[in-house]
Amino acid sequence: MVDIQVLTCFFMWCTVINVGLLLLTSIVYMFFDDFSYRMTNRFFPISREAFDIAMICFIGLYKIFVIVFNIVPYVALLIIG
């Protein structure tokens, strides 16, 4: 049986890892957008506007998933634990 401390630690590390990936993705998109566009364009030939829209939607959706599936359960476990 898993206790609250193990779940709290699990969600804490999930939050740390996912927020780190979110920050890394955002930093790469902000500072190396031409490079990421060129690399993506090799595999998926799309326009620059479509790439920008896709990246903004991806980062926004990933942020919502991190909040809903990592941060909220972690805070809830902190409150009840």
PDB file of N, CA and C in Angstrom:
ATOM      1  N   MET A   1       0.842  -1.181   0.000  1.00  0.00           N
ATOM      2  CA  MET A   1       0.000   0.000   0.000  1.00  0.00           C
ATOM      3  C   MET A   1       0.885   1.241   0.000  1.00  0.00           C
ATOM      4  N   VAL A   2       0.496   2.221  -0.771  1.00  0.00           N
ATOM      5  CA  VAL A   2       1.262   3.455  -0.901  1.00  0.00           C
ATOM      6  C   VAL A   2       0.712   4.481   0.082  1.00  0.00           C
ATOM      7  N   ASP A   3       1.614   5.088   0.836  1.00  0.00           N
ATOM      8  CA  ASP A   3       1.143   6.080   1.799  1.00  0.00           C
ATOM      9  C   ASP A   3       1.231   7.489   1.214  1.00  0.00           C
ATOM     10  N   ILE A   4       0.741   8.448   1.972  1.00  0.00           N
ATOM     11  CA  ILE A   4       0.641   9.829   1.478  1.00  0.00           C
ATOM     12  C   ILE A   4       2.019  10.442   1.249  1.00  0.00           C
ATOM     13  N   GLN A   5       3.011  10.085   2.063  1.00  0.00           N
ATOM     14  CA  GLN A   5       4.348  10.647   1.889  1.00  0.00           C
ATOM     15  C   GLN A   5       4.963  10.211   0.567  1.00  0.00           C
ATOM     16  N   VAL A   6       4.766   8.950   0.191  1.00  0.00           N
ATOM     17  CA  VAL A   6       5.304   8.459  -1.081  1.00  0.00           C
ATOM     18  C   VAL A   6       4.617   9.164  -2.246  1.00  0.00           C
ATOM     19  N   LEU A   7       3.301   9.297  -2.181  1.00  0.00           N
ATOM     20  CA  LEU A   7       2.576  10.003  -3.249  1.00  0.00           C
ATOM     21  C   LEU A   7       2.986  11.468  -3.333  1.00  0.00           C
ATOM     22  N   THR A   8       3.173  12.099  -2.182  1.00  0.00           N
ATOM     23  CA  THR A   8       3.597  13.494  -2.171  1.00  0.00           C
ATOM     24  C   THR A   8       4.970  13.647  -2.813  1.00  0.00           C
ATOM     25  N   CYS A   9       5.882  12.749  -2.467  1.00  0.00           N
ATOM     26  CA  CYS A   9       7.219  12.786  -3.066  1.00  0.00           C
ATOM     27  C   CYS A   9       7.149  12.518  -4.569  1.00  0.00           C
ATOM     28  N   PHE A  10       6.310  11.568  -4.967  1.00  0.00           N
ATOM     29  CA  PHE A  10       6.137  11.264  -6.388  1.00  0.00           C
ATOM     30  C   PHE A  10       5.650  12.483  -7.168  1.00  0.00           C
ATOM     31  N   PHE A  11       4.598  13.125  -6.667  1.00  0.00           N
ATOM     32  CA  PHE A  11       4.055  14.282  -7.379  1.00  0.00           C
ATOM     33  C   PHE A  11       4.995  15.480  -7.315  1.00  0.00           C
ATOM     34  N   MET A  12       5.791  15.589  -6.249  1.00  0.00           N
ATOM     35  CA  MET A  12       6.770  16.665  -6.193  1.00  0.00           C
ATOM     36  C   MET A  12       7.799  16.499  -7.309  1.00  0.00           C
ATOM     37  N   TRP A  13       8.327  15.272  -7.472  1.00  0.00           N
ATOM     38  CA  TRP A  13       9.323  15.054  -8.516  1.00  0.00           C
ATOM     39  C   TRP A  13       8.709  15.128  -9.916  1.00  0.00           C
ATOM     40  N   CYS A  14       7.475  14.683 -10.069  1.00  0.00           N
ATOM     41  CA  CYS A  14       6.792  14.858 -11.362  1.00  0.00           C
ATOM     42  C   CYS A  14       6.659  16.336 -11.696  1.00  0.00           C
ATOM     43  N   THR A  15       6.321  17.148 -10.701  1.00  0.00           N
ATOM     44  CA  THR A  15       6.182  18.579 -10.911  1.00  0.00           C
ATOM     45  C   THR A  15       7.517  19.208 -11.263  1.00  0.00           C
ATOM     46  N   VAL A  16       8.566  18.846 -10.546  1.00  0.00           N
ATOM     47  CA  VAL A  16       9.896  19.406 -10.821  1.00  0.00           C
ATOM     48  C   VAL A  16      10.346  19.061 -12.234  1.00  0.00           C
ATOM     49  N   ILE A  17      10.197  17.804 -12.624  1.00  0.00           N
ATOM     50  CA  ILE A  17      10.628  17.380 -13.957  1.00  0.00           C
ATOM     51  C   ILE A  17       9.807  18.051 -15.045  1.00  0.00           C
ATOM     52  N   ASN A  18       8.490  18.077 -14.892  1.00  0.00           N
ATOM     53  CA  ASN A  18       7.636  18.647 -15.928  1.00  0.00           C
ATOM     54  C   ASN A  18       7.770  20.164 -16.027  1.00  0.00           C
ATOM     55  N   VAL A  19       7.934  20.859 -14.902  1.00  0.00           N
ATOM     56  CA  VAL A  19       8.158  22.305 -14.967  1.00  0.00           C
ATOM     57  C   VAL A  19       9.511  22.588 -15.612  1.00  0.00           C
ATOM     58  N   GLY A  20      10.514  21.756 -15.325  1.00  0.00           N
ATOM     59  CA  GLY A  20      11.810  21.904 -15.987  1.00  0.00           C
ATOM     60  C   GLY A  20      11.713  21.725 -17.490  1.00  0.00           C
ATOM     61  N   LEU A  21      10.967  20.709 -17.922  1.00  0.00           N
ATOM     62  CA  LEU A  21      10.774  20.507 -19.364  1.00  0.00           C
ATOM     63  C   LEU A  21       9.991  21.654 -19.991  1.00  0.00           C
ATOM     64  N   LEU A  22       9.014  22.165 -19.260  1.00  0.00           N
ATOM     65  CA  LEU A  22       8.244  23.303 -19.762  1.00  0.00           C
ATOM     66  C   LEU A  22       9.132  24.532 -19.907  1.00  0.00           C
ATOM     67  N   LEU A  23       9.978  24.793 -18.915  1.00  0.00           N
ATOM     68  CA  LEU A  23      10.899  25.927 -19.005  1.00  0.00           C
ATOM     69  C   LEU A  23      11.903  25.737 -20.136  1.00  0.00           C
ATOM     70  N   LEU A  24      12.432  24.530 -20.280  1.00  0.00           N
ATOM     71  CA  LEU A  24      13.387  24.259 -21.359  1.00  0.00           C
ATOM     72  C   LEU A  24      12.748  24.470 -22.726  1.00  0.00           C
ATOM     73  N   THR A  25      11.542  23.960 -22.895  1.00  0.00           N
ATOM     74  CA  THR A  25      10.835  24.133 -24.161  1.00  0.00           C
ATOM     75  C   THR A  25      10.570  25.608 -24.440  1.00  0.00           C
ATOM     76  N   SER A  26      10.155  26.344 -23.427  1.00  0.00           N
ATOM     77  CA  SER A  26       9.875  27.771 -23.607  1.00  0.00           C
ATOM     78  C   SER A  26      11.143  28.546 -23.934  1.00  0.00           C
ATOM     79  N   ILE A  27      12.243  28.234 -23.259  1.00  0.00           N
ATOM     80  CA  ILE A  27      13.506  28.931 -23.514  1.00  0.00           C
ATOM     81  C   ILE A  27      14.014  28.629 -24.913  1.00  0.00           C
ATOM     82  N   VAL A  28      13.949  27.364 -25.329  1.00  0.00           N
ATOM     83  CA  VAL A  28      14.386  27.011 -26.685  1.00  0.00           C
ATOM     84  C   VAL A  28      13.536  27.731 -27.716  1.00  0.00           C
ATOM     85  N   TYR A  29      12.227  27.780 -27.489  1.00  0.00           N
ATOM     86  CA  TYR A  29      11.360  28.458 -28.451  1.00  0.00           C
ATOM     87  C   TYR A  29      11.620  29.964 -28.466  1.00  0.00           C
ATOM     88  N   MET A  30      11.904  30.555 -27.310  1.00  0.00           N
ATOM     89  CA  MET A  30      12.119  32.004 -27.252  1.00  0.00           C
ATOM     90  C   MET A  30      13.450  32.415 -27.875  1.00  0.00           C
ATOM     91  N   PHE A  31      14.513  31.675 -27.583  1.00  0.00           N
ATOM     92  CA  PHE A  31      15.840  32.120 -27.993  1.00  0.00           C
ATOM     93  C   PHE A  31      16.385  31.422 -29.232  1.00  0.00           C
ATOM     94  N   PHE A  32      15.897  30.227 -29.535  1.00  0.00           N
ATOM     95  CA  PHE A  32      16.391  29.482 -30.685  1.00  0.00           C
ATOM     96  C   PHE A  32      15.248  29.112 -31.614  1.00  0.00           C
ATOM     97  N   ASP A  33      14.345  30.070 -31.851  1.00  0.00           N
ATOM     98  CA  ASP A  33      13.157  29.766 -32.645  1.00  0.00           C
ATOM     99  C   ASP A  33      13.487  29.463 -34.094  1.00  0.00           C
ATOM    100  N   ASP A  34      14.463  30.160 -34.680  1.00  0.00           N
ATOM    101  CA  ASP A  34      14.830  29.864 -36.063  1.00  0.00           C
ATOM    102  C   ASP A  34      15.422  28.471 -36.203  1.00  0.00           C
ATOM    103  N   PHE A  35      16.272  28.111 -35.261  1.00  0.00           N
ATOM    104  CA  PHE A  35      16.870  26.771 -35.281  1.00  0.00           C
ATOM    105  C   PHE A  35      15.801  25.692 -35.129  1.00  0.00           C
ATOM    106  N   SER A  36      14.900  25.870 -34.180  1.00  0.00           N
ATOM    107  CA  SER A  36      13.866  24.858 -33.977  1.00  0.00           C
ATOM    108  C   SER A  36      12.921  24.791 -35.175  1.00  0.00           C
ATOM    109  N   TYR A  37      12.659  25.943 -35.797  1.00  0.00           N
ATOM    110  CA  TYR A  37      11.808  25.928 -36.993  1.00  0.00           C
ATOM    111  C   TYR A  37      12.501  25.174 -38.131  1.00  0.00           C
ATOM    112  N   ARG A  38      13.790  25.451 -38.343  1.00  0.00           N
ATOM    113  CA  ARG A  38      14.514  24.762 -39.415  1.00  0.00           C
ATOM    114  C   ARG A  38      14.571  23.252 -39.187  1.00  0.00           C
ATOM    115  N   MET A  39      14.807  22.846 -37.924  1.00  0.00           N
ATOM    116  CA  MET A  39      14.874  21.410 -37.639  1.00  0.00           C
ATOM    117  C   MET A  39      13.504  20.750 -37.824  1.00  0.00           C
ATOM    118  N   THR A  40      12.456  21.408 -37.392  1.00  0.00           N
ATOM    119  CA  THR A  40      11.111  20.862 -37.560  1.00  0.00           C
ATOM    120  C   THR A  40      10.709  20.839 -39.026  1.00  0.00           C
ATOM    121  N   ASN A  41      11.111  21.870 -39.761  1.00  0.00           N
ATOM    122  CA  ASN A  41      10.746  21.990 -41.171  1.00  0.00           C
ATOM    123  C   ASN A  41      11.391  20.889 -42.017  1.00  0.00           C
ATOM    124  N   ARG A  42      12.479  20.308 -41.550  1.00  0.00           N
ATOM    125  CA  ARG A  42      13.085  19.193 -42.282  1.00  0.00           C
ATOM    126  C   ARG A  42      12.144  17.986 -42.315  1.00  0.00           C
ATOM    127  N   PHE A  43      11.431  17.752 -41.224  1.00  0.00           N
ATOM    128  CA  PHE A  43      10.566  16.579 -41.130  1.00  0.00           C
ATOM    129  C   PHE A  43       9.116  16.894 -41.503  1.00  0.00           C
ATOM    130  N   PHE A  44       8.679  18.102 -41.162  1.00  0.00           N
ATOM    131  CA  PHE A  44       7.304  18.514 -41.419  1.00  0.00           C
ATOM    132  C   PHE A  44       7.316  19.862 -42.124  1.00  0.00           C
ATOM    133  N   PRO A  45       7.238  19.873 -43.445  1.00  0.00           N
ATOM    134  CA  PRO A  45       7.294  21.154 -44.169  1.00  0.00           C
ATOM    135  C   PRO A  45       6.023  21.981 -43.953  1.00  0.00           C
ATOM    136  N   ILE A  46       6.102  22.938 -43.015  1.00  0.00           N
ATOM    137  CA  ILE A  46       4.985  23.826 -42.732  1.00  0.00           C
ATOM    138  C   ILE A  46       5.481  25.258 -42.774  1.00  0.00           C
ATOM    139  N   SER A  47       4.552  26.174 -42.861  1.00  0.00           N
ATOM    140  CA  SER A  47       4.923  27.578 -42.886  1.00  0.00           C
ATOM    141  C   SER A  47       5.372  28.040 -41.497  1.00  0.00           C
ATOM    142  N   ARG A  48       6.050  29.175 -41.476  1.00  0.00           N
ATOM    143  CA  ARG A  48       6.518  29.721 -40.201  1.00  0.00           C
ATOM    144  C   ARG A  48       5.344  30.099 -39.298  1.00  0.00           C
ATOM    145  N   GLU A  49       4.289  30.651 -39.870  1.00  0.00           N
ATOM    146  CA  GLU A  49       3.118  31.031 -39.085  1.00  0.00           C
ATOM    147  C   GLU A  49       2.458  29.817 -38.454  1.00  0.00           C
ATOM    148  N   ALA A  50       2.341  28.737 -39.219  1.00  0.00           N
ATOM    149  CA  ALA A  50       1.747  27.512 -38.687  1.00  0.00           C
ATOM    150  C   ALA A  50       2.623  26.919 -37.583  1.00  0.00           C
ATOM    151  N   PHE A  51       3.935  27.016 -37.752  1.00  0.00           N
ATOM    152  CA  PHE A  51       4.853  26.528 -36.721  1.00  0.00           C
ATOM    153  C   PHE A  51       4.701  27.327 -35.433  1.00  0.00           C
ATOM    154  N   ASP A  52       4.627  28.653 -35.559  1.00  0.00           N
ATOM    155  CA  ASP A  52       4.462  29.498 -34.369  1.00  0.00           C
ATOM    156  C   ASP A  52       3.159  29.187 -33.638  1.00  0.00           C
ATOM    157  N   ILE A  53       2.084  29.030 -34.389  1.00  0.00           N
ATOM    158  CA  ILE A  53       0.795  28.701 -33.776  1.00  0.00           C
ATOM    159  C   ILE A  53       0.856  27.345 -33.092  1.00  0.00           C
ATOM    160  N   ALA A  54       1.461  26.361 -33.753  1.00  0.00           N
ATOM    161  CA  ALA A  54       1.567  25.022 -33.170  1.00  0.00           C
ATOM    162  C   ALA A  54       2.402  25.044 -31.895  1.00  0.00           C
ATOM    163  N   MET A  55       3.492  25.782 -31.884  1.00  0.00           N
ATOM    164  CA  MET A  55       4.349  25.833 -30.691  1.00  0.00           C
ATOM    165  C   MET A  55       3.651  26.539 -29.535  1.00  0.00           C
ATOM    166  N   ILE A  56       2.974  27.632 -29.818  1.00  0.00           N
ATOM    167  CA  ILE A  56       2.261  28.343 -28.757  1.00  0.00           C
ATOM    168  C   ILE A  56       1.145  27.478 -28.192  1.00  0.00           C
ATOM    169  N   CYS A  57       0.418  26.774 -29.058  1.00  0.00           N
ATOM    170  CA  CYS A  57      -0.631  25.870 -28.585  1.00  0.00           C
ATOM    171  C   CYS A  57      -0.043  24.717 -27.786  1.00  0.00           C
ATOM    172  N   PHE A  58       1.082  24.156 -28.231  1.00  0.00           N
ATOM    173  CA  PHE A  58       1.716  23.059 -27.519  1.00  0.00           C
ATOM    174  C   PHE A  58       2.179  23.502 -26.128  1.00  0.00           C
ATOM    175  N   ILE A  59       2.855  24.633 -26.042  1.00  0.00           N
ATOM    176  CA  ILE A  59       3.351  25.116 -24.754  1.00  0.00           C
ATOM    177  C   ILE A  59       2.176  25.425 -23.825  1.00  0.00           C
ATOM    178  N   GLY A  60       1.137  26.044 -24.340  1.00  0.00           N
ATOM    179  CA  GLY A  60      -0.036  26.350 -23.522  1.00  0.00           C
ATOM    180  C   GLY A  60      -0.743  25.097 -23.030  1.00  0.00           C
ATOM    181  N   LEU A  61      -0.918  24.118 -23.897  1.00  0.00           N
ATOM    182  CA  LEU A  61      -1.571  22.871 -23.510  1.00  0.00           C
ATOM    183  C   LEU A  61      -0.719  22.090 -22.515  1.00  0.00           C
ATOM    184  N   TYR A  62       0.591  22.077 -22.729  1.00  0.00           N
ATOM    185  CA  TYR A  62       1.488  21.395 -21.806  1.00  0.00           C
ATOM    186  C   TYR A  62       1.460  22.060 -20.431  1.00  0.00           C
ATOM    187  N   LYS A  63       1.387  23.386 -20.422  1.00  0.00           N
ATOM    188  CA  LYS A  63       1.297  24.111 -19.156  1.00  0.00           C
ATOM    189  C   LYS A  63       0.017  23.752 -18.408  1.00  0.00           C
ATOM    190  N   ILE A  64      -1.093  23.669 -19.115  1.00  0.00           N
ATOM    191  CA  ILE A  64      -2.358  23.289 -18.487  1.00  0.00           C
ATOM    192  C   ILE A  64      -2.268  21.866 -17.930  1.00  0.00           C
ATOM    193  N   PHE A  65      -1.683  20.936 -18.701  1.00  0.00           N
ATOM    194  CA  PHE A  65      -1.534  19.558 -18.224  1.00  0.00           C
ATOM    195  C   PHE A  65      -0.650  19.481 -16.985  1.00  0.00           C
ATOM    196  N   VAL A  66       0.431  20.247 -16.961  1.00  0.00           N
ATOM    197  CA  VAL A  66       1.318  20.248 -15.795  1.00  0.00           C
ATOM    198  C   VAL A  66       0.576  20.771 -14.570  1.00  0.00           C
ATOM    199  N   ILE A  67      -0.182  21.821 -14.747  1.00  0.00           N
ATOM    200  CA  ILE A  67      -0.921  22.375 -13.613  1.00  0.00           C
ATOM    201  C   ILE A  67      -1.975  21.384 -13.112  1.00  0.00           C
ATOM    202  N   VAL A  68      -2.757  20.826 -14.034  1.00  0.00           N
ATOM    203  CA  VAL A  68      -3.874  19.963 -13.641  1.00  0.00           C
ATOM    204  C   VAL A  68      -3.399  18.611 -13.113  1.00  0.00           C
ATOM    205  N   PHE A  69      -2.412  18.005 -13.765  1.00  0.00           N
ATOM    206  CA  PHE A  69      -2.031  16.641 -13.412  1.00  0.00           C
ATOM    207  C   PHE A  69      -0.816  16.540 -12.502  1.00  0.00           C
ATOM    208  N   ASN A  70      -0.098  17.628 -12.239  1.00  0.00           N
ATOM    209  CA  ASN A  70       1.061  17.570 -11.355  1.00  0.00           C
ATOM    210  C   ASN A  70       0.948  18.518 -10.174  1.00  0.00           C
ATOM    211  N   ILE A  71       0.739  19.784 -10.447  1.00  0.00           N
ATOM    212  CA  ILE A  71       0.777  20.782  -9.375  1.00  0.00           C
ATOM    213  C   ILE A  71      -0.449  20.661  -8.462  1.00  0.00           C
ATOM    214  N   VAL A  72      -1.623  20.530  -9.033  1.00  0.00           N
ATOM    215  CA  VAL A  72      -2.842  20.445  -8.216  1.00  0.00           C
ATOM    216  C   VAL A  72      -2.841  19.199  -7.319  1.00  0.00           C
ATOM    217  N   PRO A  73      -2.509  17.999  -7.837  1.00  0.00           N
ATOM    218  CA  PRO A  73      -2.454  16.857  -6.915  1.00  0.00           C
ATOM    219  C   PRO A  73      -1.379  17.008  -5.837  1.00  0.00           C
ATOM    220  N   TYR A  74      -0.237  17.599  -6.198  1.00  0.00           N
ATOM    221  CA  TYR A  74       0.828  17.803  -5.220  1.00  0.00           C
ATOM    222  C   TYR A  74       0.372  18.734  -4.096  1.00  0.00           C
ATOM    223  N   VAL A  75      -0.267  19.834  -4.453  1.00  0.00           N
ATOM    224  CA  VAL A  75      -0.761  20.763  -3.439  1.00  0.00           C
ATOM    225  C   VAL A  75      -1.854  20.118  -2.592  1.00  0.00           C
ATOM    226  N   ALA A  76      -2.723  19.341  -3.222  1.00  0.00           N
ATOM    227  CA  ALA A  76      -3.776  18.651  -2.470  1.00  0.00           C
ATOM    228  C   ALA A  76      -3.182  17.651  -1.477  1.00  0.00           C
ATOM    229  N   LEU A  77      -2.144  16.940  -1.874  1.00  0.00           N
ATOM    230  CA  LEU A  77      -1.491  16.016  -0.957  1.00  0.00           C
ATOM    231  C   LEU A  77      -0.777  16.750   0.169  1.00  0.00           C
ATOM    232  N   LEU A  78      -0.220  17.912  -0.133  1.00  0.00           N
ATOM    233  CA  LEU A  78       0.394  18.717   0.928  1.00  0.00           C
ATOM    234  C   LEU A  78      -0.638  19.172   1.934  1.00  0.00           C
ATOM    235  N   ILE A  79      -1.821  19.519   1.455  1.00  0.00           N
ATOM    236  CA  ILE A  79      -2.876  20.009   2.358  1.00  0.00           C
ATOM    237  C   ILE A  79      -3.371  18.892   3.261  1.00  0.00           C
ATOM    238  N   ILE A  80      -3.623  17.693   2.695  1.00  0.00           N
ATOM    239  CA  ILE A  80      -4.175  16.619   3.520  1.00  0.00           C
ATOM    240  C   ILE A  80      -3.110  15.862   4.296  1.00  0.00           C
ATOM    241  N   GLY A  81      -1.838  15.972   3.877  1.00  0.00           N
ATOM    242  CA  GLY A  81      -0.769  15.207   4.516  1.00  0.00           C
ATOM    243  C   GLY A  81      -0.261  15.842   5.725  1.00  0.00           C
TER     244      GLY A  81
END
